[in-house]
Amino acid sequence: MLPIDPALYAWLNANAQTPAVSIAVARAASAWLPLLCIAPVAWGLLLGTRAMRRSIVLVLTSMLLAWVVARLIRWGFPAPRPAQLGMGLQWIEHGLRASFPSLHATGAFAFAQALSLGCTRRRPWMTGVAWFMAASIAWSRVHLGVHFPSDVMAGALVGMASASMVWHAWLWLRRRSNRQRHGLRMGLPL
């Protein structure tokens, strides 16, 4: 927990005076926004172009790497959730697992960053929606009392860094493959 966490958490966490609609929106964002990504991903894998399928595989690889990194961080640096420290109100049922970094935020920001890297020129609206969803998921986790702000910020950083590493590794491999192919066509030694 960062020194600024208690103040930010107190400001963002829903309390007894928070309008019910705010809590309902946060619950929906936390539970349903991650699931809404499944349908377009499945559609793209089944019916999309070859380039779209490649992009989706890179998005899913980014999310997998982010999940693994976040799990390793949780294992190495277990941090309690706000409710375990007697802070704020928890509006959804949640276990006592470590909270740093937020897995919801990690996956959402890996998804958004990977889409940004792969779809920016062709479908900018899609990346805007993905970033809005990621921010909404991160906000909802703090608003509902299951994470500190630093948990979701760390998740965002892990997700974005993981997606960037996957995409840059893929670009490096593609350039290397193209150079090798070009060298073979030209009869140049590799």
C-alpha atoms as a PDB file:
ATOM      1  CA  MET A   1       0.000   0.000   0.000  1.00  0.00           C
ATOM      2  CA  LEU A   2       1.311   3.432  -0.944  1.00  0.00           C
ATOM      3  CA  PRO A   3       1.102   6.368   1.490  1.00  0.00           C
ATOM      4  CA  ILE A   4      -1.530   8.046  -0.709  1.00  0.00           C
ATOM      5  CA  ASP A   5      -3.726   4.914  -0.855  1.00  0.00           C
ATOM      6  CA  PRO A   6      -5.822   5.521   2.288  1.00  0.00           C
ATOM      7  CA  ALA A   7      -6.925   8.997   1.160  1.00  0.00           C
ATOM      8  CA  LEU A   8      -7.611   7.972  -2.450  1.00  0.00           C
ATOM      9  CA  TYR A   9      -9.353   4.817  -1.322  1.00  0.00           C
ATOM     10  CA  ALA A  10     -11.580   6.745   1.108  1.00  0.00           C
ATOM     11  CA  TRP A  11     -12.522   9.132  -1.703  1.00  0.00           C
ATOM     12  CA  LEU A  12     -13.260   6.407  -4.319  1.00  0.00           C
ATOM     13  CA  ASN A  13     -14.748   3.639  -2.166  1.00  0.00           C
ATOM     14  CA  ALA A  14     -18.531   3.613  -2.056  1.00  0.00           C
ATOM     15  CA  ASN A  15     -20.027   4.275   1.366  1.00  0.00           C
ATOM     16  CA  ALA A  16     -23.516   4.253   2.883  1.00  0.00           C
ATOM     17  CA  GLN A  17     -24.307   7.651   1.288  1.00  0.00           C
ATOM     18  CA  THR A  18     -23.235   6.592  -2.210  1.00  0.00           C
ATOM     19  CA  PRO A  19     -26.173   6.450  -4.642  1.00  0.00           C
ATOM     20  CA  ALA A  20     -27.301   2.885  -5.333  1.00  0.00           C
ATOM     21  CA  VAL A  21     -26.953   3.463  -9.082  1.00  0.00           C
ATOM     22  CA  SER A  22     -23.213   4.119  -8.648  1.00  0.00           C
ATOM     23  CA  ILE A  23     -22.765   0.814  -6.850  1.00  0.00           C
ATOM     24  CA  ALA A  24     -24.856  -0.999  -9.471  1.00  0.00           C
ATOM     25  CA  VAL A  25     -22.773   0.496 -12.294  1.00  0.00           C
ATOM     26  CA  ALA A  26     -19.567  -0.525 -10.509  1.00  0.00           C
ATOM     27  CA  ARG A  27     -20.856  -4.077  -9.998  1.00  0.00           C
ATOM     28  CA  ALA A  28     -21.795  -4.328 -13.671  1.00  0.00           C
ATOM     29  CA  ALA A  29     -18.422  -2.954 -14.785  1.00  0.00           C
ATOM     30  CA  SER A  30     -16.554  -5.366 -12.528  1.00  0.00           C
ATOM     31  CA  ALA A  31     -18.570  -8.445 -13.470  1.00  0.00           C
ATOM     32  CA  TRP A  32     -19.770  -7.889 -17.034  1.00  0.00           C
ATOM     33  CA  LEU A  33     -17.207  -5.772 -18.883  1.00  0.00           C
ATOM     34  CA  PRO A  34     -14.550  -8.514 -18.855  1.00  0.00           C
ATOM     35  CA  LEU A  35     -17.140 -10.971 -20.171  1.00  0.00           C
ATOM     36  CA  LEU A  36     -18.218  -8.600 -22.961  1.00  0.00           C
ATOM     37  CA  CYS A  37     -14.795  -9.006 -24.548  1.00  0.00           C
ATOM     38  CA  ILE A  38     -15.324 -12.733 -25.093  1.00  0.00           C
ATOM     39  CA  ALA A  39     -17.902 -12.446 -27.900  1.00  0.00           C
ATOM     40  CA  PRO A  40     -15.878 -10.192 -30.255  1.00  0.00           C
ATOM     41  CA  VAL A  41     -12.720 -12.208 -29.579  1.00  0.00           C
ATOM     42  CA  ALA A  42     -14.507 -15.480 -30.388  1.00  0.00           C
ATOM     43  CA  TRP A  43     -16.110 -13.937 -33.482  1.00  0.00           C
ATOM     44  CA  GLY A  44     -12.736 -12.641 -34.672  1.00  0.00           C
ATOM     45  CA  LEU A  45     -11.036 -15.990 -34.150  1.00  0.00           C
ATOM     46  CA  LEU A  46     -13.764 -17.883 -35.993  1.00  0.00           C
ATOM     47  CA  LEU A  47     -14.725 -15.473 -38.784  1.00  0.00           C
ATOM     48  CA  GLY A  48     -12.025 -12.826 -38.907  1.00  0.00           C
ATOM     49  CA  THR A  49      -9.344 -12.332 -41.503  1.00  0.00           C
ATOM     50  CA  ARG A  50      -5.922 -13.865 -41.083  1.00  0.00           C
ATOM     51  CA  ALA A  51      -4.557 -10.526 -39.851  1.00  0.00           C
ATOM     52  CA  MET A  52      -7.424 -10.210 -37.351  1.00  0.00           C
ATOM     53  CA  ARG A  53      -6.830 -13.713 -36.005  1.00  0.00           C
ATOM     54  CA  ARG A  54      -3.113 -12.960 -35.629  1.00  0.00           C
ATOM     55  CA  SER A  55      -3.935  -9.748 -33.748  1.00  0.00           C
ATOM     56  CA  ILE A  56      -6.350 -11.584 -31.455  1.00  0.00           C
ATOM     57  CA  VAL A  57      -3.764 -14.256 -30.707  1.00  0.00           C
ATOM     58  CA  LEU A  58      -1.308 -11.488 -29.801  1.00  0.00           C
ATOM     59  CA  VAL A  59      -3.947  -9.841 -27.580  1.00  0.00           C
ATOM     60  CA  LEU A  60      -4.597 -13.134 -25.805  1.00  0.00           C
ATOM     61  CA  THR A  61      -0.858 -13.788 -25.464  1.00  0.00           C
ATOM     62  CA  SER A  62      -0.459 -10.319 -23.959  1.00  0.00           C
ATOM     63  CA  MET A  63      -3.198 -11.046 -21.440  1.00  0.00           C
ATOM     64  CA  LEU A  64      -1.674 -14.423 -20.571  1.00  0.00           C
ATOM     65  CA  LEU A  65       1.767 -12.917 -19.975  1.00  0.00           C
ATOM     66  CA  ALA A  66       0.206 -10.156 -17.861  1.00  0.00           C
ATOM     67  CA  TRP A  67      -1.696 -12.722 -15.789  1.00  0.00           C
ATOM     68  CA  VAL A  68       1.460 -14.774 -15.168  1.00  0.00           C
ATOM     69  CA  VAL A  69       3.472 -11.689 -14.161  1.00  0.00           C
ATOM     70  CA  ALA A  70       0.677 -10.465 -11.858  1.00  0.00           C
ATOM     71  CA  ARG A  71       0.421 -13.903 -10.226  1.00  0.00           C
ATOM     72  CA  LEU A  72       4.177 -13.965  -9.633  1.00  0.00           C
ATOM     73  CA  ILE A  73       4.031 -10.509  -8.052  1.00  0.00           C
ATOM     74  CA  ARG A  74       1.142 -11.614  -5.825  1.00  0.00           C
ATOM     75  CA  TRP A  75       3.085 -14.681  -4.794  1.00  0.00           C
ATOM     76  CA  GLY A  76       6.232 -12.703  -4.006  1.00  0.00           C
ATOM     77  CA  PHE A  77       4.585  -9.681  -2.391  1.00  0.00           C
ATOM     78  CA  PRO A  78       1.237 -10.679  -0.867  1.00  0.00           C
ATOM     79  CA  ALA A  79      -0.747  -7.600   0.115  1.00  0.00           C
ATOM     80  CA  PRO A  80      -4.008  -7.510   2.062  1.00  0.00           C
ATOM     81  CA  ARG A  81      -7.247  -6.163   0.686  1.00  0.00           C
ATOM     82  CA  PRO A  82      -8.777  -3.025   2.239  1.00  0.00           C
ATOM     83  CA  ALA A  83     -11.438  -5.007   4.135  1.00  0.00           C
ATOM     84  CA  GLN A  84      -8.731  -7.169   5.722  1.00  0.00           C
ATOM     85  CA  LEU A  85      -7.302  -3.961   7.198  1.00  0.00           C
ATOM     86  CA  GLY A  86     -10.718  -2.786   8.390  1.00  0.00           C
ATOM     87  CA  MET A  87     -10.876  -0.024   5.788  1.00  0.00           C
ATOM     88  CA  GLY A  88     -13.943   1.113   3.856  1.00  0.00           C
ATOM     89  CA  LEU A  89     -16.849  -1.002   2.733  1.00  0.00           C
ATOM     90  CA  GLN A  90     -16.678  -4.061   0.509  1.00  0.00           C
ATOM     91  CA  TRP A  91     -19.710  -4.211  -1.804  1.00  0.00           C
ATOM     92  CA  ILE A  92     -19.088  -7.587  -3.416  1.00  0.00           C
ATOM     93  CA  GLU A  93     -18.164 -10.941  -1.979  1.00  0.00           C
ATOM     94  CA  HIS A  94     -14.453 -11.531  -2.280  1.00  0.00           C
ATOM     95  CA  GLY A  95     -11.957 -13.987  -0.862  1.00  0.00           C
ATOM     96  CA  LEU A  96      -8.868 -13.233   1.158  1.00  0.00           C
ATOM     97  CA  ARG A  97      -6.411 -13.631  -1.729  1.00  0.00           C
ATOM     98  CA  ALA A  98      -3.651 -11.081  -2.181  1.00  0.00           C
ATOM     99  CA  SER A  99      -4.767  -7.874  -3.849  1.00  0.00           C
ATOM    100  CA  PHE A 100      -1.588  -6.461  -5.403  1.00  0.00           C
ATOM    101  CA  PRO A 101      -1.794  -6.116  -8.366  1.00  0.00           C
ATOM    102  CA  SER A 102      -5.438  -6.268  -9.393  1.00  0.00           C
ATOM    103  CA  LEU A 103      -5.929  -9.138 -11.840  1.00  0.00           C
ATOM    104  CA  HIS A 104      -9.019  -7.431 -13.289  1.00  0.00           C
ATOM    105  CA  ALA A 105      -7.030  -4.274 -14.043  1.00  0.00           C
ATOM    106  CA  THR A 106      -4.064  -6.292 -15.308  1.00  0.00           C
ATOM    107  CA  GLY A 107      -6.148  -8.144 -17.878  1.00  0.00           C
ATOM    108  CA  ALA A 108      -8.192  -5.122 -18.914  1.00  0.00           C
ATOM    109  CA  PHE A 109      -5.168  -2.898 -19.500  1.00  0.00           C
ATOM    110  CA  ALA A 110      -3.258  -5.675 -21.293  1.00  0.00           C
ATOM    111  CA  PHE A 111      -6.279  -6.031 -23.587  1.00  0.00           C
ATOM    112  CA  ALA A 112      -6.511  -2.273 -24.216  1.00  0.00           C
ATOM    113  CA  GLN A 113      -2.783  -1.809 -24.801  1.00  0.00           C
ATOM    114  CA  ALA A 114      -2.593  -4.804 -27.129  1.00  0.00           C
ATOM    115  CA  LEU A 115      -5.539  -3.475 -29.146  1.00  0.00           C
ATOM    116  CA  SER A 116      -3.900  -0.057 -29.302  1.00  0.00           C
ATOM    117  CA  LEU A 117      -0.710  -1.536 -30.659  1.00  0.00           C
ATOM    118  CA  GLY A 118      -2.496  -3.717 -33.195  1.00  0.00           C
ATOM    119  CA  CYS A 119      -5.601  -1.799 -34.307  1.00  0.00           C
ATOM    120  CA  THR A 120      -4.826   1.896 -33.956  1.00  0.00           C
ATOM    121  CA  ARG A 121      -4.774   2.709 -37.649  1.00  0.00           C
ATOM    122  CA  ARG A 122      -7.635   0.481 -38.755  1.00  0.00           C
ATOM    123  CA  ARG A 123     -10.124   0.726 -35.887  1.00  0.00           C
ATOM    124  CA  PRO A 124      -9.392   3.637 -33.541  1.00  0.00           C
ATOM    125  CA  TRP A 125     -12.899   3.506 -32.062  1.00  0.00           C
ATOM    126  CA  MET A 126     -12.205  -0.036 -30.861  1.00  0.00           C
ATOM    127  CA  THR A 127      -9.178   1.068 -28.871  1.00  0.00           C
ATOM    128  CA  GLY A 128     -11.156   3.948 -27.351  1.00  0.00           C
ATOM    129  CA  VAL A 129     -13.814   1.520 -26.157  1.00  0.00           C
ATOM    130  CA  ALA A 130     -11.152  -0.834 -24.763  1.00  0.00           C
ATOM    131  CA  TRP A 131      -9.450   1.965 -22.782  1.00  0.00           C
ATOM    132  CA  PHE A 132     -12.815   3.165 -21.432  1.00  0.00           C
ATOM    133  CA  MET A 133     -13.651  -0.386 -20.350  1.00  0.00           C
ATOM    134  CA  ALA A 134     -10.234  -0.834 -18.699  1.00  0.00           C
ATOM    135  CA  ALA A 135     -10.573   2.423 -16.764  1.00  0.00           C
ATOM    136  CA  SER A 136     -14.137   1.488 -15.760  1.00  0.00           C
ATOM    137  CA  ILE A 137     -13.031  -1.908 -14.488  1.00  0.00           C
ATOM    138  CA  ALA A 138     -10.173  -0.353 -12.500  1.00  0.00           C
ATOM    139  CA  TRP A 139     -12.483   2.269 -10.964  1.00  0.00           C
ATOM    140  CA  SER A 140     -15.093  -0.369 -10.107  1.00  0.00           C
ATOM    141  CA  ARG A 141     -12.623  -2.489  -8.155  1.00  0.00           C
ATOM    142  CA  VAL A 142     -11.749   0.418  -5.853  1.00  0.00           C
ATOM    143  CA  HIS A 143     -15.321   1.724  -5.694  1.00  0.00           C
ATOM    144  CA  LEU A 144     -16.529  -1.715  -4.587  1.00  0.00           C
ATOM    145  CA  GLY A 145     -13.853  -1.925  -1.904  1.00  0.00           C
ATOM    146  CA  VAL A 146     -11.828  -4.926  -3.081  1.00  0.00           C
ATOM    147  CA  HIS A 147      -8.647  -3.054  -4.115  1.00  0.00           C
ATOM    148  CA  PHE A 148      -6.563  -0.056  -3.190  1.00  0.00           C
ATOM    149  CA  PRO A 149      -5.814   2.475  -5.959  1.00  0.00           C
ATOM    150  CA  SER A 150      -2.196   1.271  -6.073  1.00  0.00           C
ATOM    151  CA  ASP A 151      -3.453  -2.271  -6.774  1.00  0.00           C
ATOM    152  CA  VAL A 152      -5.253  -1.164  -9.922  1.00  0.00           C
ATOM    153  CA  MET A 153      -2.438   1.197 -10.956  1.00  0.00           C
ATOM    154  CA  ALA A 154       0.068  -1.654 -10.639  1.00  0.00           C
ATOM    155  CA  GLY A 155      -2.287  -3.910 -12.593  1.00  0.00           C
ATOM    156  CA  ALA A 156      -2.522  -1.283 -15.327  1.00  0.00           C
ATOM    157  CA  LEU A 157       1.273  -1.018 -15.528  1.00  0.00           C
ATOM    158  CA  VAL A 158       1.766  -4.794 -15.586  1.00  0.00           C
ATOM    159  CA  GLY A 159      -0.903  -5.184 -18.273  1.00  0.00           C
ATOM    160  CA  MET A 160       0.418  -2.403 -20.501  1.00  0.00           C
ATOM    161  CA  ALA A 161       4.052  -3.508 -20.120  1.00  0.00           C
ATOM    162  CA  SER A 162       3.175  -7.136 -20.875  1.00  0.00           C
ATOM    163  CA  ALA A 163       1.249  -6.200 -24.010  1.00  0.00           C
ATOM    164  CA  SER A 164       4.080  -3.951 -25.166  1.00  0.00           C
ATOM    165  CA  MET A 165       6.629  -6.734 -24.645  1.00  0.00           C
ATOM    166  CA  VAL A 166       4.529  -9.261 -26.580  1.00  0.00           C
ATOM    167  CA  TRP A 167       3.926  -6.902 -29.515  1.00  0.00           C
ATOM    168  CA  HIS A 168       7.546  -5.734 -29.692  1.00  0.00           C
ATOM    169  CA  ALA A 169       8.773  -9.344 -29.551  1.00  0.00           C
ATOM    170  CA  TRP A 170       6.391 -10.248 -32.377  1.00  0.00           C
ATOM    171  CA  LEU A 171       7.549  -7.272 -34.479  1.00  0.00           C
ATOM    172  CA  TRP A 172      11.180  -8.223 -33.862  1.00  0.00           C
ATOM    173  CA  LEU A 173      10.504 -11.836 -34.912  1.00  0.00           C
ATOM    174  CA  ARG A 174       8.628 -10.667 -38.011  1.00  0.00           C
ATOM    175  CA  ARG A 175      11.452  -8.324 -39.070  1.00  0.00           C
ATOM    176  CA  ARG A 176      14.005 -11.071 -38.468  1.00  0.00           C
ATOM    177  CA  SER A 177      11.967 -13.551 -40.500  1.00  0.00           C
ATOM    178  CA  ASN A 178      11.566 -11.029 -43.335  1.00  0.00           C
ATOM    179  CA  ARG A 179      15.321 -10.336 -43.358  1.00  0.00           C
ATOM    180  CA  GLN A 180      16.079 -14.049 -43.488  1.00  0.00           C
ATOM    181  CA  ARG A 181      13.568 -14.620 -46.277  1.00  0.00           C
ATOM    182  CA  HIS A 182      14.876 -11.631 -48.226  1.00  0.00           C
ATOM    183  CA  GLY A 183      18.457 -12.825 -47.725  1.00  0.00           C
ATOM    184  CA  LEU A 184      17.559 -16.288 -49.063  1.00  0.00           C
ATOM    185  CA  ARG A 185      15.884 -14.843 -52.162  1.00  0.00           C
ATOM    186  CA  MET A 186      18.887 -12.654 -52.881  1.00  0.00           C
ATOM    187  CA  GLY A 187      21.267 -15.583 -52.368  1.00  0.00           C
ATOM    188  CA  LEU A 188      23.016 -13.737 -49.558  1.00  0.00           C
ATOM    189  CA  PRO A 189      24.681 -15.643 -46.739  1.00  0.00           C
ATOM    190  CA  LEU A 190      22.835 -15.536 -43.436  1.00  0.00           C
END
